[in-house]
Amino acid sequence: MSVSSCSKSKSKSRTIRALATASVAAALSCTPALAHADITPVTFENGLLATLGGCQSADLDAIIRCTQDEVLTRQAPLMLDLHPIGTTIVVLGAGLYEDGSMRPILVDRLHAALKLANQYPLTPIVTSGGVPQSGITESRAMRDWLVANGVPAIRITEEDTSTSTVENAQNTAAILTDRRVSGIVVVSSPNHVERALVDFRNAVGGKIPVSGVISAG
């Protein structure tokens, strides 16, 4: 990226941050019905980036630059309050132990997904991940955990063929495109969400916004 384009990107990011900071108080006062909203300058800014800041684009370079400007957070993205039914929560898998049980990093992701699922009880969920161990895929292990923790099975779709983050994005996007969803919220670990957001945003080709939520670990 040239110095000129880098300066333009930083200037755009500063403009979005200024708008977010100036607008968040108004958003809070104008949305009393959004009982679950995590409206803060950070989530407001991330929401703008996800839709207007270049993240919702068919240009991979623009997606990468925009995604790097986001602040990773555990807070619910605004799209979940604006479109709780049209949005889908996607929790990404991680390698299972040989006996099919889940590693702590995956359980952390599920706790973050469960929090969102409880906040937004009408929002569908996709568990994404293949690579079976002892006959159990990552997606099935995640689904079973969520069901055991109170999430109705009817809300959950298993995407059980992916072997990489790129495939998570491509395979899930194919499922959700057929459903004509209005947005995707990707849940994963702090060191994984940024890469996952780039892959998912690239997979949907700018047709819908994609936001992210990080787990505790």
N, C-alpha and C. Protein backbone atom coordinates (compact mmCIF):
# COMPACT_ATOMS: atom_id res chain seq x y z
N MET A 1 0.85 -1.19 0.00
CA MET A 1 0.00 0.00 0.00
C MET A 1 0.89 1.23 0.00
N SER A 2 0.57 2.23 -0.86
CA SER A 2 1.37 3.43 -0.96
C SER A 2 1.17 4.31 0.25
N VAL A 3 2.12 5.28 0.44
CA VAL A 3 2.00 6.23 1.55
C VAL A 3 0.71 7.03 1.41
N SER A 4 0.39 7.40 0.15
CA SER A 4 -0.82 8.20 -0.08
C SER A 4 -2.07 7.43 0.29
N SER A 5 -2.16 6.16 -0.15
CA SER A 5 -3.36 5.37 0.16
C SER A 5 -3.44 5.06 1.64
N CYS A 6 -2.27 4.86 2.28
CA CYS A 6 -2.25 4.62 3.72
C CYS A 6 -2.79 5.83 4.47
N SER A 7 -2.38 7.05 4.03
CA SER A 7 -2.84 8.27 4.67
C SER A 7 -4.33 8.45 4.50
N LYS A 8 -4.83 8.10 3.30
CA LYS A 8 -6.27 8.20 3.06
C LYS A 8 -7.04 7.25 3.95
N SER A 9 -6.49 6.01 4.11
CA SER A 9 -7.15 5.02 4.95
C SER A 9 -7.21 5.49 6.40
N LYS A 10 -6.09 6.04 6.90
CA LYS A 10 -6.06 6.52 8.28
C LYS A 10 -7.01 7.69 8.46
N SER A 11 -7.07 8.58 7.46
CA SER A 11 -7.97 9.72 7.54
C SER A 11 -9.41 9.28 7.58
N LYS A 12 -9.74 8.29 6.76
CA LYS A 12 -11.11 7.76 6.75
C LYS A 12 -11.45 7.14 8.08
N SER A 13 -10.48 6.39 8.65
CA SER A 13 -10.71 5.75 9.94
C SER A 13 -10.94 6.79 11.03
N ARG A 14 -10.15 7.88 11.00
CA ARG A 14 -10.33 8.93 12.01
C ARG A 14 -11.70 9.58 11.87
N THR A 15 -12.14 9.76 10.63
CA THR A 15 -13.46 10.35 10.40
C THR A 15 -14.55 9.46 10.96
N ILE A 16 -14.44 8.16 10.74
CA ILE A 16 -15.43 7.22 11.24
C ILE A 16 -15.43 7.21 12.76
N ARG A 17 -14.22 7.24 13.36
CA ARG A 17 -14.14 7.25 14.83
C ARG A 17 -14.78 8.51 15.40
N ALA A 18 -14.54 9.65 14.75
CA ALA A 18 -15.13 10.90 15.22
C ALA A 18 -16.65 10.85 15.11
N LEU A 19 -17.15 10.29 14.01
CA LEU A 19 -18.59 10.16 13.84
C LEU A 19 -19.18 9.23 14.88
N ALA A 20 -18.47 8.14 15.15
CA ALA A 20 -18.97 7.19 16.14
C ALA A 20 -19.06 7.82 17.52
N THR A 21 -18.02 8.55 17.91
CA THR A 21 -18.00 9.17 19.23
C THR A 21 -19.08 10.23 19.36
N ALA A 22 -19.28 11.00 18.28
CA ALA A 22 -20.28 12.06 18.31
C ALA A 22 -21.70 11.53 18.28
N SER A 23 -21.89 10.35 17.67
CA SER A 23 -23.24 9.83 17.44
C SER A 23 -23.73 8.86 18.49
N VAL A 24 -22.83 8.29 19.29
CA VAL A 24 -23.26 7.21 20.17
C VAL A 24 -24.27 7.67 21.21
N ALA A 25 -24.12 8.89 21.71
CA ALA A 25 -25.09 9.40 22.70
C ALA A 25 -26.48 9.51 22.08
N ALA A 26 -26.51 9.99 20.82
CA ALA A 26 -27.79 10.09 20.13
C ALA A 26 -28.40 8.72 19.90
N ALA A 27 -27.55 7.76 19.55
CA ALA A 27 -28.04 6.39 19.33
C ALA A 27 -28.63 5.81 20.60
N LEU A 28 -27.98 6.06 21.71
CA LEU A 28 -28.47 5.56 22.99
C LEU A 28 -29.83 6.17 23.34
N SER A 29 -29.97 7.46 23.07
CA SER A 29 -31.21 8.14 23.43
C SER A 29 -32.35 7.83 22.47
N CYS A 30 -32.02 7.40 21.25
CA CYS A 30 -33.05 7.19 20.24
C CYS A 30 -33.44 5.73 20.07
N THR A 31 -32.83 4.83 20.84
CA THR A 31 -33.15 3.42 20.68
C THR A 31 -33.55 2.77 22.00
N PRO A 32 -34.58 3.33 22.66
CA PRO A 32 -34.99 2.75 23.95
C PRO A 32 -35.50 1.33 23.84
N ALA A 33 -35.97 0.93 22.64
CA ALA A 33 -36.52 -0.41 22.49
C ALA A 33 -35.44 -1.48 22.40
N LEU A 34 -34.20 -1.07 22.15
CA LEU A 34 -33.13 -2.04 22.00
C LEU A 34 -32.58 -2.43 23.36
N ALA A 35 -33.31 -3.27 24.05
CA ALA A 35 -32.99 -3.59 25.43
C ALA A 35 -31.66 -4.32 25.57
N HIS A 36 -31.24 -5.01 24.50
CA HIS A 36 -30.02 -5.80 24.60
C HIS A 36 -28.82 -5.10 23.98
N ALA A 37 -29.00 -3.90 23.46
CA ALA A 37 -27.96 -3.26 22.66
C ALA A 37 -26.70 -2.98 23.46
N ASP A 38 -25.55 -3.33 22.87
CA ASP A 38 -24.25 -2.94 23.41
C ASP A 38 -23.76 -1.74 22.61
N ILE A 39 -24.45 -0.61 22.76
CA ILE A 39 -24.10 0.57 21.96
C ILE A 39 -23.04 1.38 22.69
N THR A 40 -21.85 1.38 22.16
CA THR A 40 -20.73 2.15 22.68
C THR A 40 -20.02 2.77 21.48
N PRO A 41 -19.11 3.71 21.70
CA PRO A 41 -18.35 4.23 20.55
C PRO A 41 -17.67 3.13 19.75
N VAL A 42 -17.18 2.10 20.43
CA VAL A 42 -16.49 1.01 19.72
C VAL A 42 -17.45 0.22 18.85
N THR A 43 -18.59 -0.22 19.40
CA THR A 43 -19.52 -1.01 18.60
C THR A 43 -20.18 -0.17 17.51
N PHE A 44 -20.38 1.10 17.78
CA PHE A 44 -20.95 1.98 16.77
C PHE A 44 -19.97 2.14 15.61
N GLU A 45 -18.71 2.38 15.95
CA GLU A 45 -17.68 2.52 14.91
C GLU A 45 -17.53 1.23 14.12
N ASN A 46 -17.49 0.10 14.82
CA ASN A 46 -17.37 -1.18 14.12
C ASN A 46 -18.55 -1.41 13.19
N GLY A 47 -19.75 -0.98 13.63
CA GLY A 47 -20.92 -1.12 12.78
C GLY A 47 -20.82 -0.29 11.52
N LEU A 48 -20.27 0.91 11.65
CA LEU A 48 -20.07 1.75 10.47
C LEU A 48 -19.04 1.14 9.53
N LEU A 49 -17.96 0.64 10.11
CA LEU A 49 -16.93 0.02 9.28
C LEU A 49 -17.48 -1.20 8.55
N ALA A 50 -18.31 -1.98 9.23
CA ALA A 50 -18.84 -3.21 8.64
C ALA A 50 -19.75 -2.93 7.46
N THR A 51 -20.33 -1.74 7.41
CA THR A 51 -21.30 -1.43 6.35
C THR A 51 -20.82 -0.33 5.41
N LEU A 52 -20.21 0.71 5.95
CA LEU A 52 -19.85 1.87 5.13
C LEU A 52 -18.35 2.09 5.00
N GLY A 53 -17.57 1.43 5.82
CA GLY A 53 -16.15 1.75 5.89
C GLY A 53 -15.26 0.97 4.96
N GLY A 54 -15.83 0.13 4.11
CA GLY A 54 -15.01 -0.65 3.19
C GLY A 54 -15.00 -2.13 3.49
N CYS A 55 -15.48 -2.52 4.68
CA CYS A 55 -15.50 -3.95 5.02
C CYS A 55 -16.54 -4.71 4.21
N GLN A 56 -17.64 -4.05 3.86
CA GLN A 56 -18.64 -4.67 3.00
C GLN A 56 -18.30 -4.31 1.57
N SER A 57 -17.40 -5.09 1.01
CA SER A 57 -16.83 -4.77 -0.30
C SER A 57 -16.50 -6.06 -1.03
N ALA A 58 -16.39 -5.95 -2.34
CA ALA A 58 -15.91 -7.08 -3.14
C ALA A 58 -14.42 -6.97 -3.40
N ASP A 59 -13.79 -5.94 -2.88
CA ASP A 59 -12.36 -5.68 -3.07
C ASP A 59 -11.60 -6.23 -1.86
N LEU A 60 -10.79 -7.26 -2.05
CA LEU A 60 -10.10 -7.90 -0.93
C LEU A 60 -9.17 -6.94 -0.23
N ASP A 61 -8.45 -6.09 -0.96
CA ASP A 61 -7.54 -5.14 -0.32
C ASP A 61 -8.31 -4.17 0.57
N ALA A 62 -9.46 -3.72 0.11
CA ALA A 62 -10.29 -2.81 0.93
C ALA A 62 -10.79 -3.53 2.17
N ILE A 63 -11.16 -4.79 2.02
CA ILE A 63 -11.62 -5.58 3.17
C ILE A 63 -10.51 -5.70 4.21
N ILE A 64 -9.31 -6.00 3.77
CA ILE A 64 -8.19 -6.16 4.69
C ILE A 64 -7.91 -4.87 5.43
N ARG A 65 -7.84 -3.75 4.70
CA ARG A 65 -7.55 -2.46 5.34
C ARG A 65 -8.63 -2.10 6.35
N CYS A 66 -9.88 -2.29 5.95
CA CYS A 66 -11.00 -1.95 6.84
C CYS A 66 -11.00 -2.82 8.09
N THR A 67 -10.78 -4.11 7.90
CA THR A 67 -10.80 -5.05 9.03
C THR A 67 -9.70 -4.71 10.03
N GLN A 68 -8.55 -4.27 9.54
CA GLN A 68 -7.46 -3.89 10.43
C GLN A 68 -7.79 -2.66 11.27
N ASP A 69 -8.74 -1.86 10.80
CA ASP A 69 -9.15 -0.66 11.55
C ASP A 69 -10.13 -0.97 12.67
N GLU A 70 -10.73 -2.14 12.66
CA GLU A 70 -11.72 -2.49 13.68
C GLU A 70 -11.07 -2.76 15.03
N VAL A 71 -11.84 -2.56 16.07
CA VAL A 71 -11.42 -2.90 17.43
C VAL A 71 -12.12 -4.19 17.84
N LEU A 72 -11.35 -5.24 18.12
CA LEU A 72 -11.95 -6.51 18.51
C LEU A 72 -12.64 -6.36 19.86
N THR A 73 -13.82 -6.93 19.99
CA THR A 73 -14.60 -6.76 21.22
C THR A 73 -15.46 -7.99 21.49
N ARG A 74 -15.83 -8.17 22.75
CA ARG A 74 -16.76 -9.22 23.14
C ARG A 74 -18.21 -8.75 23.10
N GLN A 75 -18.40 -7.49 22.80
CA GLN A 75 -19.75 -6.93 22.80
C GLN A 75 -20.52 -7.33 21.54
N ALA A 76 -21.83 -7.39 21.67
CA ALA A 76 -22.68 -7.76 20.54
C ALA A 76 -22.67 -6.66 19.48
N PRO A 77 -22.48 -7.03 18.21
CA PRO A 77 -22.55 -6.04 17.13
C PRO A 77 -23.95 -5.46 17.00
N LEU A 78 -24.03 -4.24 16.51
CA LEU A 78 -25.32 -3.56 16.42
C LEU A 78 -26.28 -4.27 15.48
N MET A 79 -25.77 -5.00 14.49
CA MET A 79 -26.67 -5.66 13.55
C MET A 79 -27.59 -6.67 14.24
N LEU A 80 -27.16 -7.18 15.39
CA LEU A 80 -28.01 -8.13 16.11
C LEU A 80 -29.23 -7.45 16.70
N ASP A 81 -29.12 -6.17 17.02
CA ASP A 81 -30.29 -5.44 17.49
C ASP A 81 -31.14 -4.94 16.34
N LEU A 82 -30.49 -4.57 15.24
CA LEU A 82 -31.23 -4.05 14.10
C LEU A 82 -31.96 -5.16 13.35
N HIS A 83 -31.32 -6.34 13.24
CA HIS A 83 -31.90 -7.45 12.48
C HIS A 83 -31.65 -8.78 13.20
N PRO A 84 -32.27 -8.99 14.35
CA PRO A 84 -31.98 -10.20 15.14
C PRO A 84 -32.39 -11.50 14.46
N ILE A 85 -33.41 -11.46 13.62
CA ILE A 85 -33.83 -12.68 12.95
C ILE A 85 -33.07 -12.89 11.64
N GLY A 86 -32.83 -11.81 10.91
CA GLY A 86 -32.12 -11.91 9.64
C GLY A 86 -30.64 -12.19 9.78
N THR A 87 -30.07 -11.83 10.93
CA THR A 87 -28.65 -12.07 11.18
C THR A 87 -28.43 -13.50 11.66
N THR A 88 -27.28 -14.07 11.33
CA THR A 88 -26.94 -15.41 11.81
C THR A 88 -25.62 -15.37 12.57
N ILE A 89 -25.60 -16.02 13.73
CA ILE A 89 -24.37 -16.18 14.53
C ILE A 89 -23.63 -17.41 14.01
N VAL A 90 -22.35 -17.25 13.69
CA VAL A 90 -21.53 -18.37 13.21
C VAL A 90 -20.37 -18.57 14.18
N VAL A 91 -20.34 -19.71 14.84
CA VAL A 91 -19.24 -20.00 15.76
C VAL A 91 -18.29 -20.98 15.07
N LEU A 92 -17.01 -20.63 15.09
CA LEU A 92 -16.02 -21.38 14.33
C LEU A 92 -15.36 -22.46 15.19
N GLY A 93 -15.14 -23.61 14.58
CA GLY A 93 -14.57 -24.75 15.28
C GLY A 93 -13.07 -24.64 15.49
N ALA A 94 -12.57 -25.57 16.27
CA ALA A 94 -11.13 -25.74 16.51
C ALA A 94 -10.90 -27.23 16.71
N GLY A 95 -9.69 -27.69 16.43
CA GLY A 95 -9.41 -29.11 16.45
C GLY A 95 -9.81 -29.81 17.74
N LEU A 96 -10.48 -30.94 17.60
CA LEU A 96 -10.90 -31.73 18.75
C LEU A 96 -9.77 -32.64 19.22
N TYR A 97 -9.89 -33.13 20.47
CA TYR A 97 -8.99 -34.18 20.94
C TYR A 97 -9.33 -35.48 20.21
N GLU A 98 -8.44 -36.43 20.29
CA GLU A 98 -8.63 -37.70 19.57
C GLU A 98 -9.90 -38.43 19.97
N ASP A 99 -10.35 -38.22 21.20
CA ASP A 99 -11.57 -38.90 21.65
C ASP A 99 -12.84 -38.14 21.28
N GLY A 100 -12.68 -37.04 20.55
CA GLY A 100 -13.84 -36.26 20.12
C GLY A 100 -14.26 -35.17 21.09
N SER A 101 -13.57 -35.03 22.20
CA SER A 101 -13.90 -33.97 23.15
C SER A 101 -13.28 -32.64 22.70
N MET A 102 -13.78 -31.56 23.26
CA MET A 102 -13.37 -30.23 22.81
C MET A 102 -12.22 -29.66 23.63
N ARG A 103 -11.36 -28.95 22.96
CA ARG A 103 -10.27 -28.24 23.63
C ARG A 103 -10.82 -26.99 24.33
N PRO A 104 -10.13 -26.50 25.37
CA PRO A 104 -10.61 -25.31 26.09
C PRO A 104 -10.84 -24.10 25.18
N ILE A 105 -10.02 -23.93 24.15
CA ILE A 105 -10.18 -22.78 23.27
C ILE A 105 -11.53 -22.81 22.57
N LEU A 106 -12.01 -24.00 22.23
CA LEU A 106 -13.31 -24.12 21.58
C LEU A 106 -14.45 -23.90 22.56
N VAL A 107 -14.28 -24.37 23.78
CA VAL A 107 -15.29 -24.13 24.81
C VAL A 107 -15.43 -22.63 25.09
N ASP A 108 -14.30 -21.91 25.07
CA ASP A 108 -14.35 -20.46 25.25
C ASP A 108 -15.18 -19.81 24.13
N ARG A 109 -14.99 -20.26 22.90
CA ARG A 109 -15.78 -19.72 21.79
C ARG A 109 -17.26 -19.99 21.99
N LEU A 110 -17.56 -21.17 22.49
CA LEU A 110 -18.97 -21.53 22.70
C LEU A 110 -19.61 -20.71 23.81
N HIS A 111 -18.85 -20.38 24.84
CA HIS A 111 -19.40 -19.52 25.89
C HIS A 111 -19.76 -18.15 25.31
N ALA A 112 -18.91 -17.63 24.43
CA ALA A 112 -19.21 -16.34 23.79
C ALA A 112 -20.44 -16.45 22.90
N ALA A 113 -20.54 -17.56 22.16
CA ALA A 113 -21.72 -17.77 21.30
C ALA A 113 -22.98 -17.95 22.13
N LEU A 114 -22.88 -18.65 23.25
CA LEU A 114 -24.04 -18.86 24.12
C LEU A 114 -24.55 -17.55 24.69
N LYS A 115 -23.64 -16.67 25.05
CA LYS A 115 -24.06 -15.36 25.55
C LYS A 115 -24.89 -14.62 24.51
N LEU A 116 -24.42 -14.63 23.26
CA LEU A 116 -25.18 -13.99 22.19
C LEU A 116 -26.50 -14.69 21.96
N ALA A 117 -26.47 -16.02 21.99
CA ALA A 117 -27.69 -16.80 21.77
C ALA A 117 -28.76 -16.48 22.81
N ASN A 118 -28.33 -16.27 24.04
CA ASN A 118 -29.27 -15.94 25.11
C ASN A 118 -29.76 -14.50 25.00
N GLN A 119 -28.90 -13.59 24.55
CA GLN A 119 -29.30 -12.20 24.34
C GLN A 119 -30.31 -12.07 23.21
N TYR A 120 -30.12 -12.89 22.19
CA TYR A 120 -30.93 -12.79 20.98
C TYR A 120 -31.56 -14.16 20.68
N PRO A 121 -32.63 -14.51 21.38
CA PRO A 121 -33.18 -15.87 21.31
C PRO A 121 -33.83 -16.22 19.98
N LEU A 122 -34.01 -15.25 19.08
CA LEU A 122 -34.59 -15.54 17.77
C LEU A 122 -33.54 -15.66 16.68
N THR A 123 -32.29 -15.44 17.02
CA THR A 123 -31.23 -15.43 16.02
C THR A 123 -30.73 -16.85 15.72
N PRO A 124 -30.70 -17.26 14.45
CA PRO A 124 -30.18 -18.58 14.09
C PRO A 124 -28.67 -18.68 14.34
N ILE A 125 -28.20 -19.91 14.45
CA ILE A 125 -26.78 -20.19 14.73
C ILE A 125 -26.26 -21.23 13.75
N VAL A 126 -25.04 -21.05 13.30
CA VAL A 126 -24.34 -22.07 12.52
C VAL A 126 -23.09 -22.47 13.28
N THR A 127 -22.89 -23.76 13.47
CA THR A 127 -21.63 -24.27 14.00
C THR A 127 -20.81 -24.77 12.82
N SER A 128 -19.61 -24.23 12.64
CA SER A 128 -18.85 -24.51 11.42
C SER A 128 -17.52 -25.19 11.73
N GLY A 129 -17.35 -26.40 11.20
CA GLY A 129 -16.09 -27.12 11.37
C GLY A 129 -16.24 -28.60 11.13
N GLY A 130 -15.34 -29.16 10.36
CA GLY A 130 -15.35 -30.60 10.08
C GLY A 130 -14.29 -31.32 10.89
N VAL A 131 -13.36 -31.99 10.21
CA VAL A 131 -12.23 -32.71 10.80
C VAL A 131 -12.68 -33.59 11.97
N PRO A 132 -13.38 -34.67 11.71
CA PRO A 132 -13.89 -35.51 12.81
C PRO A 132 -12.80 -36.24 13.58
N GLN A 133 -13.07 -36.43 14.85
CA GLN A 133 -12.25 -37.26 15.73
C GLN A 133 -13.20 -38.25 16.40
N SER A 134 -12.86 -39.53 16.33
CA SER A 134 -13.72 -40.58 16.88
C SER A 134 -15.16 -40.45 16.38
N GLY A 135 -15.28 -40.06 15.10
CA GLY A 135 -16.60 -39.97 14.48
C GLY A 135 -17.39 -38.72 14.80
N ILE A 136 -16.79 -37.77 15.50
CA ILE A 136 -17.48 -36.54 15.90
C ILE A 136 -16.83 -35.36 15.20
N THR A 137 -17.61 -34.58 14.46
CA THR A 137 -17.08 -33.37 13.84
C THR A 137 -17.08 -32.22 14.84
N GLU A 138 -16.30 -31.19 14.52
CA GLU A 138 -16.29 -29.99 15.36
C GLU A 138 -17.70 -29.39 15.43
N SER A 139 -18.37 -29.35 14.30
CA SER A 139 -19.71 -28.75 14.28
C SER A 139 -20.69 -29.52 15.16
N ARG A 140 -20.61 -30.85 15.16
CA ARG A 140 -21.52 -31.65 15.99
C ARG A 140 -21.19 -31.47 17.47
N ALA A 141 -19.91 -31.46 17.80
CA ALA A 141 -19.50 -31.26 19.20
C ALA A 141 -20.01 -29.91 19.71
N MET A 142 -19.89 -28.88 18.87
CA MET A 142 -20.36 -27.55 19.27
C MET A 142 -21.88 -27.52 19.40
N ARG A 143 -22.57 -28.14 18.45
CA ARG A 143 -24.02 -28.19 18.52
C ARG A 143 -24.48 -28.88 19.79
N ASP A 144 -23.88 -30.01 20.10
CA ASP A 144 -24.29 -30.77 21.29
C ASP A 144 -24.07 -29.95 22.56
N TRP A 145 -22.96 -29.21 22.60
CA TRP A 145 -22.67 -28.38 23.78
C TRP A 145 -23.71 -27.29 23.92
N LEU A 146 -24.04 -26.62 22.83
CA LEU A 146 -25.03 -25.54 22.88
C LEU A 146 -26.40 -26.07 23.30
N VAL A 147 -26.80 -27.22 22.75
CA VAL A 147 -28.08 -27.81 23.12
C VAL A 147 -28.09 -28.19 24.60
N ALA A 148 -26.98 -28.76 25.07
CA ALA A 148 -26.88 -29.13 26.49
C ALA A 148 -26.95 -27.92 27.40
N ASN A 149 -26.62 -26.74 26.85
CA ASN A 149 -26.66 -25.52 27.63
C ASN A 149 -27.88 -24.65 27.32
N GLY A 150 -28.92 -25.29 26.78
CA GLY A 150 -30.21 -24.63 26.70
C GLY A 150 -30.62 -24.03 25.37
N VAL A 151 -29.78 -24.16 24.34
CA VAL A 151 -30.14 -23.61 23.03
C VAL A 151 -30.98 -24.64 22.27
N PRO A 152 -32.17 -24.29 21.81
CA PRO A 152 -32.99 -25.26 21.07
C PRO A 152 -32.27 -25.75 19.81
N ALA A 153 -32.29 -27.06 19.61
CA ALA A 153 -31.59 -27.64 18.46
C ALA A 153 -32.08 -27.08 17.14
N ILE A 154 -33.36 -26.68 17.08
CA ILE A 154 -33.93 -26.17 15.84
C ILE A 154 -33.26 -24.88 15.38
N ARG A 155 -32.60 -24.18 16.28
CA ARG A 155 -31.92 -22.94 15.92
C ARG A 155 -30.58 -23.17 15.24
N ILE A 156 -30.05 -24.37 15.33
CA ILE A 156 -28.66 -24.63 14.97
C ILE A 156 -28.55 -25.41 13.67
N THR A 157 -27.71 -24.91 12.77
CA THR A 157 -27.35 -25.62 11.55
C THR A 157 -25.88 -26.02 11.64
N GLU A 158 -25.59 -27.26 11.29
CA GLU A 158 -24.21 -27.73 11.28
C GLU A 158 -23.60 -27.59 9.89
N GLU A 159 -22.46 -26.93 9.83
CA GLU A 159 -21.64 -26.91 8.62
C GLU A 159 -20.45 -27.81 8.95
N ASP A 160 -20.46 -29.03 8.46
CA ASP A 160 -19.55 -30.06 8.99
C ASP A 160 -18.51 -30.57 8.01
N THR A 161 -18.17 -29.75 7.00
CA THR A 161 -17.19 -30.21 6.02
C THR A 161 -15.91 -29.38 5.97
N SER A 162 -15.89 -28.26 6.65
CA SER A 162 -14.73 -27.35 6.57
C SER A 162 -13.49 -27.93 7.25
N THR A 163 -12.34 -27.66 6.64
CA THR A 163 -11.06 -28.06 7.23
C THR A 163 -10.13 -26.88 7.44
N SER A 164 -10.60 -25.66 7.17
CA SER A 164 -9.79 -24.45 7.32
C SER A 164 -10.72 -23.25 7.49
N THR A 165 -10.14 -22.11 7.87
CA THR A 165 -10.95 -20.91 8.03
C THR A 165 -11.55 -20.46 6.70
N VAL A 166 -10.76 -20.57 5.63
CA VAL A 166 -11.28 -20.21 4.30
C VAL A 166 -12.49 -21.06 3.96
N GLU A 167 -12.41 -22.36 4.24
CA GLU A 167 -13.55 -23.24 3.97
C GLU A 167 -14.71 -22.96 4.91
N ASN A 168 -14.43 -22.63 6.18
CA ASN A 168 -15.51 -22.18 7.08
C ASN A 168 -16.31 -21.07 6.41
N ALA A 169 -15.59 -20.10 5.88
CA ALA A 169 -16.23 -18.94 5.27
C ALA A 169 -16.99 -19.31 4.00
N GLN A 170 -16.34 -20.03 3.11
CA GLN A 170 -16.96 -20.37 1.83
C GLN A 170 -18.18 -21.27 2.01
N ASN A 171 -18.04 -22.30 2.84
CA ASN A 171 -19.14 -23.25 3.01
C ASN A 171 -20.32 -22.63 3.76
N THR A 172 -20.01 -21.83 4.78
CA THR A 172 -21.09 -21.17 5.52
C THR A 172 -21.77 -20.12 4.67
N ALA A 173 -20.99 -19.37 3.90
CA ALA A 173 -21.57 -18.36 3.01
C ALA A 173 -22.53 -19.00 2.02
N ALA A 174 -22.17 -20.17 1.52
CA ALA A 174 -23.05 -20.87 0.57
C ALA A 174 -24.38 -21.23 1.21
N ILE A 175 -24.33 -21.70 2.46
CA ILE A 175 -25.56 -22.04 3.18
C ILE A 175 -26.42 -20.80 3.40
N LEU A 176 -25.79 -19.71 3.86
CA LEU A 176 -26.54 -18.53 4.25
C LEU A 176 -27.01 -17.70 3.06
N THR A 177 -26.30 -17.78 1.94
CA THR A 177 -26.76 -17.09 0.74
C THR A 177 -28.11 -17.64 0.30
N ASP A 178 -28.26 -18.95 0.38
CA ASP A 178 -29.53 -19.57 0.02
C ASP A 178 -30.67 -19.11 0.93
N ARG A 179 -30.33 -18.73 2.14
CA ARG A 179 -31.35 -18.29 3.10
C ARG A 179 -31.61 -16.79 3.03
N ARG A 180 -30.82 -16.10 2.25
CA ARG A 180 -30.96 -14.65 2.09
C ARG A 180 -30.87 -13.91 3.42
N VAL A 181 -29.88 -14.23 4.20
CA VAL A 181 -29.69 -13.58 5.49
C VAL A 181 -29.27 -12.13 5.29
N SER A 182 -29.46 -11.32 6.33
CA SER A 182 -29.12 -9.90 6.24
C SER A 182 -27.75 -9.58 6.81
N GLY A 183 -27.14 -10.52 7.54
CA GLY A 183 -25.82 -10.28 8.12
C GLY A 183 -25.31 -11.50 8.85
N ILE A 184 -23.99 -11.49 9.11
CA ILE A 184 -23.33 -12.61 9.79
C ILE A 184 -22.49 -12.06 10.94
N VAL A 185 -22.56 -12.72 12.09
CA VAL A 185 -21.69 -12.40 13.22
C VAL A 185 -20.80 -13.62 13.48
N VAL A 186 -19.50 -13.45 13.27
CA VAL A 186 -18.54 -14.53 13.43
C VAL A 186 -17.98 -14.53 14.84
N VAL A 187 -18.03 -15.68 15.50
CA VAL A 187 -17.51 -15.81 16.87
C VAL A 187 -16.29 -16.71 16.84
N SER A 188 -15.17 -16.21 17.37
CA SER A 188 -13.96 -17.02 17.45
C SER A 188 -13.01 -16.42 18.48
N SER A 189 -11.80 -16.96 18.52
CA SER A 189 -10.81 -16.54 19.51
C SER A 189 -10.19 -15.20 19.11
N PRO A 190 -9.64 -14.45 20.09
CA PRO A 190 -9.07 -13.15 19.79
C PRO A 190 -8.00 -13.16 18.70
N ASN A 191 -7.19 -14.22 18.65
CA ASN A 191 -6.13 -14.27 17.65
C ASN A 191 -6.60 -14.84 16.31
N HIS A 192 -7.90 -15.06 16.18
CA HIS A 192 -8.43 -15.69 14.98
C HIS A 192 -9.50 -14.86 14.28
N VAL A 193 -10.18 -14.00 15.02
CA VAL A 193 -11.34 -13.29 14.48
C VAL A 193 -10.97 -12.40 13.30
N GLU A 194 -9.87 -11.66 13.38
CA GLU A 194 -9.53 -10.75 12.29
C GLU A 194 -9.36 -11.51 10.97
N ARG A 195 -8.61 -12.61 11.01
CA ARG A 195 -8.41 -13.41 9.80
C ARG A 195 -9.75 -13.99 9.33
N ALA A 196 -10.56 -14.44 10.28
CA ALA A 196 -11.86 -15.01 9.92
C ALA A 196 -12.76 -13.95 9.27
N LEU A 197 -12.75 -12.74 9.79
CA LEU A 197 -13.56 -11.67 9.21
C LEU A 197 -13.17 -11.40 7.77
N VAL A 198 -11.87 -11.36 7.50
CA VAL A 198 -11.42 -11.14 6.13
C VAL A 198 -11.93 -12.26 5.22
N ASP A 199 -11.80 -13.50 5.67
CA ASP A 199 -12.24 -14.63 4.85
C ASP A 199 -13.75 -14.62 4.62
N PHE A 200 -14.52 -14.32 5.67
CA PHE A 200 -15.98 -14.30 5.52
C PHE A 200 -16.42 -13.13 4.65
N ARG A 201 -15.83 -11.97 4.86
CA ARG A 201 -16.21 -10.81 4.04
C ARG A 201 -15.86 -11.04 2.57
N ASN A 202 -14.76 -11.68 2.33
CA ASN A 202 -14.38 -12.02 0.97
C ASN A 202 -15.33 -13.06 0.38
N ALA A 203 -15.74 -14.02 1.20
CA ALA A 203 -16.62 -15.10 0.73
C ALA A 203 -18.00 -14.59 0.32
N VAL A 204 -18.52 -13.57 1.03
CA VAL A 204 -19.85 -13.06 0.69
C VAL A 204 -19.80 -12.00 -0.40
N GLY A 205 -18.59 -11.58 -0.78
CA GLY A 205 -18.44 -10.67 -1.90
C GLY A 205 -19.10 -9.32 -1.73
N GLY A 206 -19.21 -8.85 -0.50
CA GLY A 206 -19.80 -7.55 -0.26
C GLY A 206 -21.31 -7.52 -0.27
N LYS A 207 -21.96 -8.68 -0.38
CA LYS A 207 -23.41 -8.71 -0.50
C LYS A 207 -24.12 -8.44 0.83
N ILE A 208 -23.49 -8.83 1.96
CA ILE A 208 -24.07 -8.60 3.28
C ILE A 208 -22.96 -8.21 4.24
N PRO A 209 -23.28 -7.48 5.31
CA PRO A 209 -22.25 -7.14 6.30
C PRO A 209 -21.87 -8.32 7.18
N VAL A 210 -20.62 -8.32 7.60
CA VAL A 210 -20.10 -9.35 8.51
C VAL A 210 -19.41 -8.67 9.67
N SER A 211 -19.78 -9.03 10.90
CA SER A 211 -19.14 -8.49 12.10
C SER A 211 -18.55 -9.65 12.92
N GLY A 212 -17.78 -9.30 13.94
CA GLY A 212 -17.15 -10.33 14.74
C GLY A 212 -17.28 -10.11 16.24
N VAL A 213 -17.19 -11.21 16.97
CA VAL A 213 -17.17 -11.18 18.45
C VAL A 213 -16.07 -12.11 18.89
N ILE A 214 -15.26 -11.66 19.86
CA ILE A 214 -14.16 -12.51 20.35
C ILE A 214 -14.55 -13.21 21.64
N SER A 215 -13.98 -14.39 21.81
CA SER A 215 -14.17 -15.14 23.04
C SER A 215 -13.19 -14.67 24.09
N ALA A 216 -13.28 -15.28 25.27
CA ALA A 216 -12.40 -14.87 26.37
C ALA A 216 -10.96 -15.30 26.14
N GLY A 217 -10.75 -16.36 25.39
CA GLY A 217 -9.38 -16.85 25.21
C GLY A 217 -9.18 -17.51 23.89
